[in-house]
PDB file of N, CA and C in Angstrom:
ATOM      1  N   MET A   1       0.853  -1.187   0.000  1.00  0.00           N
ATOM      2  CA  MET A   1       0.000   0.000   0.000  1.00  0.00           C
ATOM      3  C   MET A   1       0.890   1.239   0.000  1.00  0.00           C
ATOM      4  N   THR A   2       0.651   2.099  -0.932  1.00  0.00           N
ATOM      5  CA  THR A   2       1.473   3.298  -1.033  1.00  0.00           C
ATOM      6  C   THR A   2       0.760   4.481  -0.398  1.00  0.00           C
ATOM      7  N   LEU A   3       1.505   5.527  -0.176  1.00  0.00           N
ATOM      8  CA  LEU A   3       0.975   6.733   0.457  1.00  0.00           C
ATOM      9  C   LEU A   3       0.017   7.475  -0.468  1.00  0.00           C
ATOM     10  N   LEU A   4       0.158   7.296  -1.768  1.00  0.00           N
ATOM     11  CA  LEU A   4      -0.693   7.983  -2.732  1.00  0.00           C
ATOM     12  C   LEU A   4      -2.090   7.384  -2.817  1.00  0.00           C
ATOM     13  N   MET A   5      -2.304   6.244  -2.242  1.00  0.00           N
ATOM     14  CA  MET A   5      -3.595   5.573  -2.338  1.00  0.00           C
ATOM     15  C   MET A   5      -4.481   5.880  -1.129  1.00  0.00           C
ATOM     16  N   ILE A   6      -4.532   7.138  -0.709  1.00  0.00           N
ATOM     17  CA  ILE A   6      -5.368   7.541   0.420  1.00  0.00           C
ATOM     18  C   ILE A   6      -6.745   7.894  -0.124  1.00  0.00           C
ATOM     19  N   GLY A   7      -7.760   7.249   0.420  1.00  0.00           N
ATOM     20  CA  GLY A   7      -9.128   7.478  -0.037  1.00  0.00           C
ATOM     21  C   GLY A   7      -9.869   8.448   0.861  1.00  0.00           C
ATOM     22  N   ALA A   8     -11.152   8.639   0.556  1.00  0.00           N
ATOM     23  CA  ALA A   8     -11.994   9.565   1.307  1.00  0.00           C
ATOM     24  C   ALA A   8     -12.158   9.118   2.759  1.00  0.00           C
ATOM     25  N   THR A   9     -12.292   7.825   2.974  1.00  0.00           N
ATOM     26  CA  THR A   9     -12.474   7.305   4.337  1.00  0.00           C
ATOM     27  C   THR A   9     -11.257   7.628   5.205  1.00  0.00           C
ATOM     28  N   GLU A  10     -10.080   7.422   4.645  1.00  0.00           N
ATOM     29  CA  GLU A  10      -8.863   7.700   5.394  1.00  0.00           C
ATOM     30  C   GLU A  10      -8.733   9.190   5.713  1.00  0.00           C
ATOM     31  N   LEU A  11      -9.094  10.042   4.752  1.00  0.00           N
ATOM     32  CA  LEU A  11      -9.032  11.484   4.991  1.00  0.00           C
ATOM     33  C   LEU A  11      -9.999  11.904   6.095  1.00  0.00           C
ATOM     34  N   ILE A  12     -11.175  11.322   6.122  1.00  0.00           N
ATOM     35  CA  ILE A  12     -12.159  11.626   7.169  1.00  0.00           C
ATOM     36  C   ILE A  12     -11.629  11.195   8.533  1.00  0.00           C
ATOM     37  N   ILE A  13     -11.015  10.027   8.590  1.00  0.00           N
ATOM     38  CA  ILE A  13     -10.457   9.537   9.860  1.00  0.00           C
ATOM     39  C   ILE A  13      -9.334  10.459  10.331  1.00  0.00           C
ATOM     40  N   ILE A  14      -8.477  10.879   9.423  1.00  0.00           N
ATOM     41  CA  ILE A  14      -7.382  11.789   9.780  1.00  0.00           C
ATOM     42  C   ILE A  14      -7.938  13.120  10.280  1.00  0.00           C
ATOM     43  N   ALA A  15      -8.966  13.647   9.615  1.00  0.00           N
ATOM     44  CA  ALA A  15      -9.575  14.912  10.030  1.00  0.00           C
ATOM     45  C   ALA A  15     -10.201  14.780  11.418  1.00  0.00           C
ATOM     46  N   LEU A  16     -10.871  13.682  11.687  1.00  0.00           N
ATOM     47  CA  LEU A  16     -11.476  13.475  13.011  1.00  0.00           C
ATOM     48  C   LEU A  16     -10.412  13.364  14.098  1.00  0.00           C
ATOM     49  N   LEU A  17      -9.325  12.671  13.808  1.00  0.00           N
ATOM     50  CA  LEU A  17      -8.238  12.563  14.787  1.00  0.00           C
ATOM     51  C   LEU A  17      -7.611  13.925  15.072  1.00  0.00           C
ATOM     52  N   ALA A  18      -7.415  14.734  14.028  1.00  0.00           N
ATOM     53  CA  ALA A  18      -6.858  16.080  14.225  1.00  0.00           C
ATOM     54  C   ALA A  18      -7.812  16.919  15.064  1.00  0.00           C
ATOM     55  N   LEU A  19      -9.102  16.802  14.802  1.00  0.00           N
ATOM     56  CA  LEU A  19     -10.093  17.544  15.568  1.00  0.00           C
ATOM     57  C   LEU A  19     -10.083  17.128  17.031  1.00  0.00           C
ATOM     58  N   LEU A  20      -9.941  15.837  17.294  1.00  0.00           N
ATOM     59  CA  LEU A  20      -9.879  15.355  18.677  1.00  0.00           C
ATOM     60  C   LEU A  20      -8.599  15.808  19.383  1.00  0.00           C
ATOM     61  N   LEU A  21      -7.485  15.781  18.661  1.00  0.00           N
ATOM     62  CA  LEU A  21      -6.209  16.141  19.268  1.00  0.00           C
ATOM     63  C   LEU A  21      -6.096  17.635  19.558  1.00  0.00           C
ATOM     64  N   PHE A  22      -6.510  18.477  18.616  1.00  0.00           N
ATOM     65  CA  PHE A  22      -6.277  19.909  18.740  1.00  0.00           C
ATOM     66  C   PHE A  22      -7.501  20.703  19.157  1.00  0.00           C
ATOM     67  N   GLY A  23      -8.678  20.167  18.982  1.00  0.00           N
ATOM     68  CA  GLY A  23      -9.891  20.884  19.349  1.00  0.00           C
ATOM     69  C   GLY A  23     -10.385  21.792  18.239  1.00  0.00           C
ATOM     70  N   GLY A  24     -11.631  22.190  18.341  1.00  0.00           N
ATOM     71  CA  GLY A  24     -12.267  22.982  17.307  1.00  0.00           C
ATOM     72  C   GLY A  24     -11.751  24.405  17.220  1.00  0.00           C
ATOM     73  N   LYS A  25     -11.246  24.954  18.318  1.00  0.00           N
ATOM     74  CA  LYS A  25     -10.770  26.342  18.307  1.00  0.00           C
ATOM     75  C   LYS A  25      -9.331  26.448  17.802  1.00  0.00           C
ATOM     76  N   LYS A  26      -8.517  25.478  18.123  1.00  0.00           N
ATOM     77  CA  LYS A  26      -7.094  25.553  17.777  1.00  0.00           C
ATOM     78  C   LYS A  26      -6.821  25.106  16.341  1.00  0.00           C
ATOM     79  N   LEU A  27      -7.650  24.243  15.789  1.00  0.00           N
ATOM     80  CA  LEU A  27      -7.407  23.696  14.458  1.00  0.00           C
ATOM     81  C   LEU A  27      -7.395  24.772  13.365  1.00  0.00           C
ATOM     82  N   PRO A  28      -8.348  25.717  13.324  1.00  0.00           N
ATOM     83  CA  PRO A  28      -8.266  26.767  12.295  1.00  0.00           C
ATOM     84  C   PRO A  28      -7.004  27.629  12.412  1.00  0.00           C
ATOM     85  N   GLU A  29      -6.562  27.890  13.638  1.00  0.00           N
ATOM     86  CA  GLU A  29      -5.330  28.653  13.839  1.00  0.00           C
ATOM     87  C   GLU A  29      -4.127  27.899  13.281  1.00  0.00           C
ATOM     88  N   LEU A  30      -4.094  26.595  13.486  1.00  0.00           N
ATOM     89  CA  LEU A  30      -2.991  25.788  12.969  1.00  0.00           C
ATOM     90  C   LEU A  30      -2.993  25.785  11.446  1.00  0.00           C
ATOM     91  N   MET A  31      -4.158  25.662  10.842  1.00  0.00           N
ATOM     92  CA  MET A  31      -4.252  25.649   9.383  1.00  0.00           C
ATOM     93  C   MET A  31      -3.867  27.013   8.796  1.00  0.00           C
ATOM     94  N   ARG A  32      -4.264  28.096   9.467  1.00  0.00           N
ATOM     95  CA  ARG A  32      -3.909  29.442   9.025  1.00  0.00           C
ATOM     96  C   ARG A  32      -2.389  29.613   9.060  1.00  0.00           C
ATOM     97  N   GLY A  33      -1.774  29.150  10.135  1.00  0.00           N
ATOM     98  CA  GLY A  33      -0.318  29.232  10.257  1.00  0.00           C
ATOM     99  C   GLY A  33       0.383  28.389   9.210  1.00  0.00           C
ATOM    100  N   LEU A  34      -0.160  27.218   8.928  1.00  0.00           N
ATOM    101  CA  LEU A  34       0.420  26.357   7.903  1.00  0.00           C
ATOM    102  C   LEU A  34       0.318  27.016   6.530  1.00  0.00           C
ATOM    103  N   GLY A  35      -0.828  27.604   6.229  1.00  0.00           N
ATOM    104  CA  GLY A  35      -1.015  28.292   4.948  1.00  0.00           C
ATOM    105  C   GLY A  35      -0.075  29.480   4.809  1.00  0.00           C
ATOM    106  N   SER A  36       0.095  30.225   5.888  1.00  0.00           N
ATOM    107  CA  SER A  36       0.992  31.375   5.884  1.00  0.00           C
ATOM    108  C   SER A  36       2.437  30.924   5.655  1.00  0.00           C
ATOM    109  N   GLY A  37       2.818  29.841   6.282  1.00  0.00           N
ATOM    110  CA  GLY A  37       4.169  29.314   6.105  1.00  0.00           C
ATOM    111  C   GLY A  37       4.430  28.867   4.677  1.00  0.00           C
ATOM    112  N   VAL A  38       3.449  28.208   4.069  1.00  0.00           N
ATOM    113  CA  VAL A  38       3.589  27.766   2.684  1.00  0.00           C
ATOM    114  C   VAL A  38       3.695  28.969   1.755  1.00  0.00           C
ATOM    115  N   LYS A  39       2.881  30.003   2.010  1.00  0.00           N
ATOM    116  CA  LYS A  39       2.914  31.218   1.182  1.00  0.00           C
ATOM    117  C   LYS A  39       4.281  31.902   1.285  1.00  0.00           C
ATOM    118  N   ASN A  40       4.804  32.020   2.502  1.00  0.00           N
ATOM    119  CA  ASN A  40       6.124  32.633   2.697  1.00  0.00           C
ATOM    120  C   ASN A  40       7.215  31.832   1.996  1.00  0.00           C
ATOM    121  N   PHE A  41       7.101  30.511   2.049  1.00  0.00           N
ATOM    122  CA  PHE A  41       8.076  29.651   1.385  1.00  0.00           C
ATOM    123  C   PHE A  41       8.041  29.866  -0.121  1.00  0.00           C
ATOM    124  N   LYS A  42       6.833  29.892  -0.699  1.00  0.00           N
ATOM    125  CA  LYS A  42       6.701  30.093  -2.143  1.00  0.00           C
ATOM    126  C   LYS A  42       7.226  31.470  -2.541  1.00  0.00           C
ATOM    127  N   ASP A  43       6.914  32.498  -1.752  1.00  0.00           N
ATOM    128  CA  ASP A  43       7.414  33.843  -2.037  1.00  0.00           C
ATOM    129  C   ASP A  43       8.935  33.878  -1.981  1.00  0.00           C
ATOM    130  N   GLY A  44       9.509  33.189  -1.022  1.00  0.00           N
ATOM    131  CA  GLY A  44      10.964  33.123  -0.911  1.00  0.00           C
ATOM    132  C   GLY A  44      11.589  32.415  -2.096  1.00  0.00           C
ATOM    133  N   MET A  45      10.933  31.383  -2.585  1.00  0.00           N
ATOM    134  CA  MET A  45      11.437  30.662  -3.749  1.00  0.00           C
ATOM    135  C   MET A  45      11.352  31.534  -4.995  1.00  0.00           C
ATOM    136  N   ASN A  46      10.379  32.429  -5.070  1.00  0.00           N
ATOM    137  CA  ASN A  46      10.210  33.307  -6.223  1.00  0.00           C
ATOM    138  C   ASN A  46      10.975  34.616  -6.066  1.00  0.00           C
ATOM    139  N   GLY A  47      11.655  34.818  -4.943  1.00  0.00           N
ATOM    140  CA  GLY A  47      12.450  36.021  -4.731  1.00  0.00           C
ATOM    141  C   GLY A  47      11.612  37.215  -4.339  1.00  0.00           C
ATOM    142  N   ILE A  48      10.493  36.987  -3.677  1.00  0.00           N
ATOM    143  CA  ILE A  48       9.633  38.082  -3.249  1.00  0.00           C
ATOM    144  C   ILE A  48       9.833  38.295  -1.761  1.00  0.00           C
ATOM    145  N   ILE A  49      10.091  39.567  -1.375  1.00  0.00           N
ATOM    146  CA  ILE A  49      10.289  39.898   0.036  1.00  0.00           C
ATOM    147  C   ILE A  49       9.305  40.996   0.392  1.00  0.00           C
ATOM    148  N   ASP A  50       8.542  40.810   1.453  1.00  0.00           N
ATOM    149  CA  ASP A  50       7.564  41.791   1.930  1.00  0.00           C
ATOM    150  C   ASP A  50       6.585  42.208   0.830  1.00  0.00           C
ATOM    151  N   GLY A  51       6.166  41.272  -0.005  1.00  0.00           N
ATOM    152  CA  GLY A  51       5.188  41.564  -1.039  1.00  0.00           C
ATOM    153  C   GLY A  51       5.752  42.245  -2.266  1.00  0.00           C
ATOM    154  N   LYS A  52       7.063  42.496  -2.310  1.00  0.00           N
ATOM    155  CA  LYS A  52       7.698  43.146  -3.450  1.00  0.00           C
ATOM    156  C   LYS A  52       8.769  42.212  -3.992  1.00  0.00           C
ATOM    157  N   PRO A  53       8.967  42.191  -5.314  1.00  0.00           N
ATOM    158  CA  PRO A  53      10.080  41.392  -5.845  1.00  0.00           C
ATOM    159  C   PRO A  53      11.395  41.853  -5.246  1.00  0.00           C
ATOM    160  N   GLU A  54      12.333  40.942  -5.127  1.00  0.00           N
ATOM    161  CA  GLU A  54      13.609  41.220  -4.459  1.00  0.00           C
ATOM    162  C   GLU A  54      14.374  42.348  -5.139  1.00  0.00           C
ATOM    163  N   GLU A  55      14.287  42.457  -6.480  1.00  0.00           N
ATOM    164  CA  GLU A  55      15.004  43.515  -7.188  1.00  0.00           C
ATOM    165  C   GLU A  55      14.505  44.891  -6.750  1.00  0.00           C
ATOM    166  N   ILE A  56      13.182  45.039  -6.674  1.00  0.00           N
ATOM    167  CA  ILE A  56      12.603  46.315  -6.250  1.00  0.00           C
ATOM    168  C   ILE A  56      12.985  46.598  -4.811  1.00  0.00           C
ATOM    169  N   LYS A  57      12.945  45.581  -3.968  1.00  0.00           N
ATOM    170  CA  LYS A  57      13.288  45.739  -2.556  1.00  0.00           C
ATOM    171  C   LYS A  57      14.727  46.242  -2.421  1.00  0.00           C
ATOM    172  N   SER A  58      15.650  45.687  -3.217  1.00  0.00           N
ATOM    173  CA  SER A  58      17.048  46.113  -3.101  1.00  0.00           C
ATOM    174  C   SER A  58      17.215  47.545  -3.577  1.00  0.00           C
ATOM    175  N   GLU A  59      16.449  47.956  -4.598  1.00  0.00           N
ATOM    176  CA  GLU A  59      16.530  49.340  -5.050  1.00  0.00           C
ATOM    177  C   GLU A  59      16.039  50.293  -3.971  1.00  0.00           C
ATOM    178  N   VAL A  60      14.974  49.916  -3.277  1.00  0.00           N
ATOM    179  CA  VAL A  60      14.441  50.753  -2.202  1.00  0.00           C
ATOM    180  C   VAL A  60      15.453  50.862  -1.075  1.00  0.00           C
ATOM    181  N   VAL A  61      16.075  49.754  -0.703  1.00  0.00           N
ATOM    182  CA  VAL A  61      17.075  49.751   0.364  1.00  0.00           C
ATOM    183  C   VAL A  61      18.271  50.607  -0.040  1.00  0.00           C
ATOM    184  N   ASP A  62      18.717  50.498  -1.308  1.00  0.00           N
ATOM    185  CA  ASP A  62      19.854  51.300  -1.778  1.00  0.00           C
ATOM    186  C   ASP A  62      19.527  52.793  -1.727  1.00  0.00           C
ATOM    187  N   ALA A  63      18.311  53.159  -2.118  1.00  0.00           N
ATOM    188  CA  ALA A  63      17.909  54.564  -2.096  1.00  0.00           C
ATOM    189  C   ALA A  63      17.872  55.091  -0.663  1.00  0.00           C
ATOM    190  N   LYS A  64      17.365  54.302   0.267  1.00  0.00           N
ATOM    191  CA  LYS A  64      17.317  54.723   1.664  1.00  0.00           C
ATOM    192  C   LYS A  64      18.728  54.869   2.222  1.00  0.00           C
ATOM    193  N   THR A  65      19.626  53.968   1.841  1.00  0.00           N
ATOM    194  CA  THR A  65      21.001  54.029   2.315  1.00  0.00           C
ATOM    195  C   THR A  65      21.680  55.299   1.809  1.00  0.00           C
ATOM    196  N   GLU A  66      21.448  55.630   0.528  1.00  0.00           N
ATOM    197  CA  GLU A  66      22.032  56.865  -0.016  1.00  0.00           C
ATOM    198  C   GLU A  66      21.477  58.093   0.683  1.00  0.00           C
ATOM    199  N   ASP A  67      20.166  58.105   0.956  1.00  0.00           N
ATOM    200  CA  ASP A  67      19.551  59.228   1.671  1.00  0.00           C
ATOM    201  C   ASP A  67      20.169  59.390   3.058  1.00  0.00           C
ATOM    202  N   ALA A  68      20.383  58.253   3.733  1.00  0.00           N
ATOM    203  CA  ALA A  68      20.965  58.305   5.074  1.00  0.00           C
ATOM    204  C   ALA A  68      22.390  58.836   5.017  1.00  0.00           C
ATOM    205  N   LYS A  69      23.155  58.432   4.000  1.00  0.00           N
ATOM    206  CA  LYS A  69      24.532  58.910   3.869  1.00  0.00           C
ATOM    207  C   LYS A  69      24.549  60.420   3.628  1.00  0.00           C
ATOM    208  N   THR A  70      23.637  60.889   2.768  1.00  0.00           N
ATOM    209  CA  THR A  70      23.564  62.309   2.459  1.00  0.00           C
ATOM    210  C   THR A  70      23.214  63.120   3.717  1.00  0.00           C
ATOM    211  N   GLU A  71      22.236  62.640   4.472  1.00  0.00           N
ATOM    212  CA  GLU A  71      21.843  63.323   5.712  1.00  0.00           C
ATOM    213  C   GLU A  71      22.998  63.328   6.707  1.00  0.00           C
ATOM    214  N   ASN A  72      23.712  62.225   6.791  1.00  0.00           N
ATOM    215  CA  ASN A  72      24.834  62.094   7.715  1.00  0.00           C
ATOM    216  C   ASN A  72      25.941  63.074   7.334  1.00  0.00           C
ATOM    217  N   GLN A  73      26.219  63.210   6.039  1.00  0.00           N
ATOM    218  CA  GLN A  73      27.248  64.141   5.577  1.00  0.00           C
ATOM    219  C   GLN A  73      26.842  65.584   5.856  1.00  0.00           C
ATOM    220  N   GLN A  74      25.552  65.887   5.655  1.00  0.00           N
ATOM    221  CA  GLN A  74      25.067  67.240   5.896  1.00  0.00           C
ATOM    222  C   GLN A  74      25.150  67.582   7.378  1.00  0.00           C
ATOM    223  N   SER A  75      24.786  66.625   8.238  1.00  0.00           N
ATOM    224  CA  SER A  75      24.825  66.908   9.676  1.00  0.00           C
ATOM    225  C   SER A  75      26.258  67.018  10.180  1.00  0.00           C
ATOM    226  N   ASN A  76      27.185  66.248   9.612  1.00  0.00           N
ATOM    227  CA  ASN A  76      28.589  66.345  10.002  1.00  0.00           C
ATOM    228  C   ASN A  76      29.200  67.650   9.529  1.00  0.00           C
ATOM    229  N   GLY A  77      28.772  68.151   8.384  1.00  0.00           N
ATOM    230  CA  GLY A  77      29.306  69.391   7.847  1.00  0.00           C
ATOM    231  C   GLY A  77      28.828  70.608   8.615  1.00  0.00           C
ATOM    232  N   SER A  78      27.664  70.514   9.238  1.00  0.00           N
ATOM    233  CA  SER A  78      27.108  71.676   9.966  1.00  0.00           C
ATOM    234  C   SER A  78      27.628  71.767  11.383  1.00  0.00           C
ATOM    235  N   LYS A  79      28.354  70.775  11.873  1.00  0.00           N
ATOM    236  CA  LYS A  79      28.857  70.790  13.250  1.00  0.00           C
ATOM    237  C   LYS A  79      30.088  71.596  13.400  1.00  0.00           C
TER     238      LYS A  79
END
């Protein structure tokens, strides 16, 4: 018997066992966390960080770094 041959009866039994183990209130929270983890993993595989592609994110970080350097130079020059 292989793992791919799981039928409807087996899925129902697994769902009932999960419900008994975790309870009705905790189970949706666990599924939400699992879904969030899968989404973050897929985004990481596609190079997406904080909802933005990694290339755009690096450009934003570079621009902020340059702004900080400019402000730092201006404040050092006025002292």
